[in-house]
Protein backbone atom coordinates (compact mmCIF):
# COMPACT_ATOMS: atom_id res chain seq x y z
CA MET A 1 0.00 0.00 0.00
CA MET A 2 1.44 3.37 -1.03
CA ARG A 3 1.15 6.48 1.12
CA TRP A 4 1.89 10.03 0.00
CA ALA A 5 4.30 12.12 2.09
CA ALA A 6 4.29 15.91 1.73
CA CYS A 7 7.90 17.00 1.26
CA GLU A 8 9.89 20.20 0.75
CA LEU A 9 13.08 19.24 -1.07
CA HIS A 10 15.07 22.51 -1.23
CA THR A 11 15.88 24.37 2.01
CA HIS A 12 18.69 26.34 3.63
CA THR A 13 19.87 27.38 7.10
CA PHE A 14 22.44 29.88 8.36
CA HIS A 15 25.08 27.22 7.71
CA SER A 16 25.05 28.54 4.13
CA ASP A 17 23.11 31.65 3.07
CA GLY A 18 19.88 31.01 4.98
CA LYS A 19 18.64 33.09 7.87
CA GLN A 20 17.09 30.35 9.98
CA THR A 21 18.16 27.55 12.26
CA LEU A 22 17.28 23.98 11.44
CA LEU A 23 14.82 23.96 14.35
CA GLU A 24 13.08 27.11 13.04
CA LEU A 25 12.92 25.58 9.57
CA ALA A 26 11.53 22.29 10.86
CA LYS A 27 8.87 23.95 13.01
CA ALA A 28 7.73 26.14 10.12
CA ALA A 29 7.61 23.17 7.75
CA LYS A 30 5.52 21.19 10.24
CA SER A 31 3.09 24.09 10.63
CA LEU A 32 2.61 24.06 6.85
CA GLY A 33 1.66 20.40 6.87
CA PHE A 34 4.90 18.89 5.63
CA ASP A 35 5.94 15.40 6.67
CA SER A 36 9.56 15.84 5.65
CA ILE A 37 12.15 18.31 4.41
CA ALA A 38 15.50 17.86 2.73
CA LEU A 39 18.18 20.16 4.13
CA THR A 40 20.20 21.27 1.11
CA ASP A 41 22.59 23.97 2.31
CA HIS A 42 25.07 25.26 -0.25
CA ASN A 43 28.21 23.09 -0.39
CA THR A 44 27.99 21.95 3.24
CA MET A 45 26.18 19.40 5.39
CA THR A 46 27.14 20.94 8.76
CA GLY A 47 23.58 22.24 9.20
CA LEU A 48 22.43 18.70 9.96
CA GLN A 49 23.96 18.87 13.45
CA GLY A 50 21.32 17.99 16.02
CA ARG A 51 19.01 16.55 13.36
CA GLU A 52 17.82 13.60 15.48
CA SER A 53 16.71 15.74 18.42
CA ILE A 54 14.95 18.21 16.13
CA GLU A 55 13.15 15.35 14.37
CA ALA A 56 11.99 14.06 17.76
CA GLU A 57 10.82 17.52 18.87
CA THR A 58 8.93 18.37 15.67
CA ASP A 59 7.87 14.91 14.43
CA LEU A 60 9.31 15.89 11.04
CA THR A 61 11.77 13.79 9.05
CA ILE A 62 14.88 15.68 7.92
CA ILE A 63 16.58 14.12 4.91
CA PRO A 64 20.30 14.91 4.50
CA GLY A 65 21.25 16.71 1.33
CA MET A 66 23.40 19.44 -0.16
CA GLU A 67 23.08 21.92 -3.01
CA TRP A 68 26.15 21.87 -5.19
CA THR A 69 26.70 25.57 -5.85
CA THR A 70 29.16 26.25 -8.64
CA PHE A 71 29.85 28.65 -11.50
CA TYR A 72 28.19 26.26 -13.97
CA GLY A 73 24.95 25.45 -12.21
CA HIS A 74 23.31 24.36 -8.98
CA MET A 75 22.56 20.69 -8.37
CA VAL A 76 20.42 19.54 -5.45
CA THR A 77 21.62 16.24 -4.01
CA ILE A 78 19.45 14.31 -1.56
CA GLY A 79 19.87 11.26 0.65
CA MET A 80 23.66 10.82 0.73
CA ASP A 81 25.34 8.96 3.56
CA ALA A 82 28.29 11.36 3.59
CA PHE A 83 29.61 14.62 2.16
CA VAL A 84 30.55 14.42 -1.52
CA ASP A 85 33.15 16.97 -2.60
CA TRP A 86 31.69 19.36 -5.16
CA ARG A 87 34.99 21.11 -5.97
CA ALA A 88 37.22 20.46 -8.99
CA LYS A 89 34.24 19.67 -11.20
CA GLY A 90 34.56 21.49 -14.51
CA ILE A 91 31.78 22.27 -16.94
CA GLY A 92 32.22 18.84 -18.56
CA ASP A 93 32.57 16.84 -15.32
CA ILE A 94 29.06 16.80 -13.87
CA HIS A 95 28.55 13.10 -14.65
CA GLN A 96 31.52 12.23 -12.44
CA GLY A 97 29.86 14.17 -9.62
CA ILE A 98 26.51 12.45 -10.17
CA ALA A 99 28.23 9.06 -10.05
CA GLU A 100 29.78 9.96 -6.69
CA ILE A 101 26.37 11.00 -5.35
CA HIS A 102 24.84 7.73 -6.50
CA ALA A 103 27.70 5.80 -4.87
CA GLN A 104 26.73 7.43 -1.55
CA GLY A 105 23.12 6.34 -1.93
CA GLY A 106 21.77 9.71 -3.05
CA VAL A 107 19.95 11.25 -6.00
CA ALA A 108 20.87 14.35 -7.98
CA GLY A 109 18.67 16.91 -9.70
CA MET A 110 19.00 20.11 -11.67
CA ALA A 111 18.03 23.05 -9.43
CA HIS A 112 16.14 25.97 -11.02
CA PRO A 113 17.96 25.37 -14.35
CA PHE A 114 16.70 28.55 -16.05
CA ARG A 115 16.95 31.04 -13.19
CA ILE A 116 18.78 34.20 -14.20
CA GLY A 117 22.55 33.76 -13.94
CA SER A 118 25.51 36.15 -13.72
CA PRO A 119 25.81 38.82 -12.57
CA ILE A 120 22.52 38.59 -10.65
CA CYS A 121 22.91 35.00 -9.44
CA THR A 122 26.24 33.52 -10.46
CA GLY A 123 25.88 29.86 -11.32
CA CYS A 124 22.09 29.74 -10.92
CA PHE A 125 21.60 29.15 -14.66
CA TRP A 126 22.51 25.56 -15.63
CA GLU A 127 25.52 25.37 -17.98
CA TYR A 128 26.94 21.93 -17.17
CA GLU A 129 27.30 19.72 -20.22
CA ILE A 130 25.00 16.69 -20.04
CA SER A 131 26.10 13.84 -22.25
CA ASN A 132 23.69 11.25 -20.83
CA TRP A 133 20.28 12.42 -19.62
CA ASN A 134 19.61 8.95 -18.20
CA GLU A 135 21.93 9.85 -15.31
CA ILE A 136 19.88 12.90 -14.24
CA ASP A 137 17.48 11.73 -11.53
CA TYR A 138 15.17 14.72 -11.62
CA ILE A 139 14.60 18.30 -12.71
CA GLU A 140 13.35 20.91 -10.26
CA VAL A 141 10.68 22.28 -12.60
CA TRP A 142 9.01 24.52 -9.99
CA SER A 143 11.17 26.81 -7.85
CA GLY A 144 10.08 29.45 -5.35
CA THR A 145 6.60 30.48 -4.20
CA PHE A 146 3.68 30.66 -6.64
CA PRO A 147 5.96 28.75 -8.98
CA SER A 148 3.55 28.08 -11.84
CA ILE A 149 3.53 31.71 -13.03
CA LYS A 150 7.33 32.15 -13.22
CA LYS A 151 8.84 32.19 -16.71
CA ASP A 152 12.00 30.31 -15.69
CA ASN A 153 9.81 27.54 -14.27
CA LEU A 154 7.78 27.38 -17.47
CA ARG A 155 11.05 26.79 -19.32
CA ALA A 156 12.07 24.09 -16.84
CA TYR A 157 8.69 22.36 -17.19
CA GLN A 158 9.09 22.43 -20.97
CA LEU A 159 12.61 21.01 -20.69
CA TRP A 160 11.22 18.10 -18.66
CA THR A 161 8.47 17.58 -21.23
CA ASP A 162 10.99 17.67 -24.10
CA LYS A 163 13.14 15.03 -22.43
CA LEU A 164 10.11 12.79 -21.83
CA ASN A 165 9.27 13.19 -25.52
CA GLU A 166 12.80 12.09 -26.38
CA GLY A 167 12.24 8.88 -24.43
CA TYR A 168 14.07 9.67 -21.19
CA ARG A 169 12.53 8.66 -17.86
CA ILE A 170 13.28 11.69 -15.68
CA ALA A 171 11.37 12.77 -12.58
CA ALA A 172 10.14 16.29 -11.83
CA THR A 173 9.95 17.99 -8.43
CA SER A 174 9.33 21.37 -6.84
CA GLY A 175 11.48 23.26 -4.35
CA ARG A 176 10.76 26.46 -2.46
CA ASP A 177 14.48 27.24 -2.14
CA TRP A 178 13.56 28.22 1.41
CA HIS A 179 16.09 30.57 3.02
CA PHE A 180 14.33 32.48 5.81
CA GLN A 181 11.22 32.77 7.94
CA VAL A 182 8.74 35.11 6.31
CA GLU A 183 4.97 35.15 6.05
CA THR A 184 3.79 34.84 2.47
CA GLU A 185 0.40 34.84 0.82
CA ASP A 186 1.86 33.21 -2.28
CA PRO A 187 0.86 29.62 -3.00
CA ILE A 188 3.50 27.18 -1.73
CA SER A 189 4.26 24.06 -3.72
CA VAL A 190 4.47 20.59 -2.24
CA THR A 191 6.30 17.58 -3.65
CA TYR A 192 4.38 14.46 -2.64
CA LEU A 193 6.47 11.30 -2.65
CA GLY A 194 4.81 7.91 -2.97
CA LEU A 195 6.23 5.70 -0.23
CA GLU A 196 5.85 1.95 -0.15
CA ALA A 197 4.95 0.18 3.08
CA GLY A 198 7.95 -1.41 4.74
CA GLU A 199 10.61 -1.11 7.39
CA ASP A 200 12.95 1.22 5.47
CA SER A 201 13.49 4.72 6.84
CA LEU A 202 11.57 7.59 5.30
CA ARG A 203 14.90 8.85 3.95
CA SER A 204 15.51 5.61 2.07
CA GLN A 205 11.92 5.50 0.85
CA ALA A 206 12.11 9.14 -0.31
CA VAL A 207 15.27 8.53 -2.34
CA LYS A 208 13.64 5.47 -3.89
CA ALA A 209 10.47 7.42 -4.71
CA ILE A 210 12.46 10.16 -6.45
CA SER A 211 14.59 7.71 -8.42
CA GLN A 212 11.45 5.83 -9.51
CA GLY A 213 9.39 8.93 -10.32
CA ARG A 214 6.64 8.22 -7.79
CA ILE A 215 5.98 11.94 -7.42
CA SER A 216 3.07 14.36 -7.56
CA VAL A 217 3.54 18.14 -7.32
CA THR A 218 0.93 20.73 -6.34
CA ILE A 219 0.09 24.16 -4.97
CA GLY A 220 -3.28 22.76 -3.84
CA PRO A 221 -4.88 19.32 -4.05
CA LEU A 222 -3.00 16.05 -4.38
CA ILE A 223 -3.58 14.31 -7.69
CA THR A 224 -2.50 10.73 -8.27
CA MET A 225 -2.85 8.44 -11.25
CA GLU A 226 -2.79 4.77 -12.15
CA ILE A 227 -3.21 3.20 -15.57
CA GLU A 228 -5.02 -0.10 -15.90
CA LYS A 229 -4.20 -2.34 -18.83
CA ALA A 230 -4.93 -6.03 -19.33
CA ASN A 231 -6.08 -6.33 -15.68
CA GLU A 232 -2.76 -4.95 -14.42
CA SER A 233 -2.42 -1.62 -12.59
CA TYR A 234 0.59 0.64 -13.18
CA LYS A 235 1.67 3.47 -10.85
CA LEU A 236 3.56 6.70 -11.44
CA GLY A 237 7.04 5.95 -12.74
CA ASP A 238 6.09 2.48 -14.02
CA LEU A 239 6.72 1.23 -17.54
CA ILE A 240 3.74 -0.48 -19.16
CA PRO A 241 5.15 -3.34 -21.23
CA LEU A 242 4.01 -4.40 -24.66
CA ASP A 243 2.11 -7.66 -24.84
CA HIS A 244 3.48 -9.20 -27.99
CA THR A 245 0.64 -11.74 -28.07
CA LEU A 246 -1.98 -9.02 -28.69
CA PRO A 247 -2.72 -7.23 -31.97
CA ALA A 248 -1.75 -3.56 -32.26
CA ALA A 249 -5.35 -2.34 -31.84
CA GLU A 250 -5.66 -3.98 -28.43
CA GLN A 251 -2.20 -2.79 -27.34
CA ALA A 252 -3.51 0.80 -27.47
CA VAL A 253 -6.48 0.29 -25.13
CA SER A 254 -6.13 1.17 -21.45
CA GLN A 255 -7.79 3.20 -18.69
CA ALA A 256 -6.25 6.05 -16.71
CA HIS A 257 -7.70 6.48 -13.20
CA ILE A 258 -6.96 9.89 -11.68
CA HIS A 259 -7.82 10.75 -8.08
CA VAL A 260 -8.07 14.35 -6.89
CA ASP A 261 -7.82 14.90 -3.12
CA PHE A 262 -8.74 18.43 -2.04
CA SER A 263 -8.60 17.53 1.66
CA VAL A 264 -4.80 17.27 2.00
CA ARG A 265 -3.23 19.90 4.21
CA SER A 266 -6.75 21.18 4.89
CA GLY A 267 -6.89 24.82 5.99
CA ILE A 268 -3.31 25.57 4.95
CA TRP A 269 -3.83 26.43 1.29
CA GLU A 270 -6.72 28.26 -0.35
CA ILE A 271 -7.97 28.06 -3.93
CA ALA A 272 -11.50 29.16 -4.77
CA ASP A 273 -14.09 26.62 -5.87
CA GLN A 274 -14.39 26.86 -9.64
CA ASP A 275 -14.44 24.90 -12.86
CA PHE A 276 -11.06 23.17 -12.84
CA THR A 277 -9.74 21.39 -15.92
CA LEU A 278 -8.28 17.94 -15.39
CA LEU A 279 -6.08 16.87 -18.28
CA LEU A 280 -4.45 13.64 -19.31
CA THR A 281 -1.45 14.67 -21.42
CA GLY A 282 1.40 12.89 -23.13
CA ASN A 283 3.89 13.11 -25.95
CA THR A 284 0.98 13.45 -28.39
CA GLY A 285 -0.44 16.46 -26.52
CA ILE A 286 -3.78 16.46 -24.68
CA VAL A 287 -5.14 12.92 -24.67
CA SER A 288 -8.36 13.73 -22.80
CA GLU A 289 -9.84 16.41 -20.52
CA GLN A 290 -12.69 16.85 -18.08
CA LYS A 291 -14.18 19.75 -16.12
CA ILE A 292 -14.28 19.08 -12.37
CA ARG A 293 -15.34 20.92 -9.23
CA PHE A 294 -13.88 21.35 -5.75
CA VAL A 295 -14.67 17.84 -4.54
CA ASP A 296 -12.62 14.74 -3.77
CA ALA A 297 -13.30 12.27 -6.56
CA ALA A 298 -11.83 9.74 -8.96
CA TYR A 299 -12.00 10.19 -12.72
CA SER A 300 -11.39 7.71 -15.52
CA PHE A 301 -10.08 8.37 -19.00
CA ALA A 302 -10.00 5.90 -21.86
CA ILE A 303 -6.66 5.74 -23.68
CA ASN A 304 -6.69 4.61 -27.29
CA ARG A 305 -3.43 6.05 -28.53
CA SER A 306 -0.94 3.54 -29.87
CA ASP A 307 1.70 6.27 -30.27
CA LEU A 308 1.90 7.25 -26.59
CA ILE A 309 5.28 6.85 -24.92
CA TRP A 310 4.31 8.59 -21.65
CA ALA A 311 1.30 10.13 -19.91
CA ARG A 312 0.75 12.39 -16.89
CA ALA A 313 -2.18 14.16 -15.21
CA GLU A 314 -2.44 17.94 -14.93
CA LEU A 315 -4.93 20.10 -13.02
CA TRP A 316 -5.50 23.64 -14.30
CA GLY A 317 -7.45 26.44 -12.65
CA THR A 318 -7.56 30.15 -11.89
CA VAL A 319 -5.39 31.55 -9.10
CA ARG A 320 -5.27 35.32 -8.50
CA GLY A 321 -6.88 35.93 -11.86
CA ALA A 322 -4.39 33.84 -13.85
CA ARG A 323 -5.13 30.49 -15.50
CA VAL A 324 -2.29 28.33 -14.24
CA LEU A 325 -1.14 24.78 -13.70
CA ILE A 326 -2.14 23.90 -10.13
CA ALA A 327 -0.92 20.32 -9.89
CA PHE A 328 0.71 17.62 -11.98
CA THR A 329 1.82 14.03 -11.62
CA ASN A 330 5.01 12.49 -12.83
CA ALA A 331 4.72 10.21 -15.83
CA ILE A 332 3.71 6.64 -16.47
CA TYR A 333 5.61 5.22 -19.45
CA PHE A 334 4.63 2.98 -22.34
CA GLU A 335 7.02 0.50 -23.91
CA VAL A 336 7.30 1.14 -27.63
CA LYS A 337 8.08 -1.34 -30.36
CA GLN A 338 11.66 -0.96 -31.53
């Protein structure tokens, strides 16, 4: 049985350029309904001191991490067992760094890849050369508060979509890039990680969820999706295999089941009741759409596209007068005939 944990995967304390202690960060995250945060200070893991006692005090899981902060880009790394040296990595050496992160049990993602760079934010714009996109665990497609209206995030979301269209299986996350305690009326994004039941720590389960793409991102309700085909159910991040015993017409038939949960983090976020648009999208564009209201419900979409290589759910609505993407799932993939 899978459960969904509300996570914030990009945070900072005064151990780098933040203006908050880890305890202040943890208490604020708990008050916003988060189950877990990843501490990702710039180029250091010293901010994790006292983590166990703070976890006990706040009932919040703190996942170790670090944001590689260089002249060629920022890379958020999560779940490592130990510090991985970020220095001496040139513009063509990022794959060596990713391999070292993986060797320590962690995952690595592109942070805010299209944020403005020098001289405003040196290194914030991604310039590392990527020779193998299969080694990138995830892209932070939403950064900051009210992320779905920011132009740099729109570019990051399109980059993710382009790579899915090219056949890569890359996850997408959000990150507030949380540096200090401040009240905000802006919508705050949440990265929900799908955790499997078991005895593993939440840290281990979170790393596994990111690497497998069991992720849903939102500034409001939680949306999840499964695809049913030939009496088998496939979750986010899964690859639906071809059945070579069936004719091509039957290969294309499946059902997407999308659940929208408006009750999560009740009272913490506010979006007006309205006509939302729930989309099933993929490499072919919009596969199907349905108007929905502010109510917890499950929706089913028939899929009859033999040329799909991936599909995801998106929820669109109006926030502060703008029609924006409110929530999206990561992809479910379809095996294609070679």
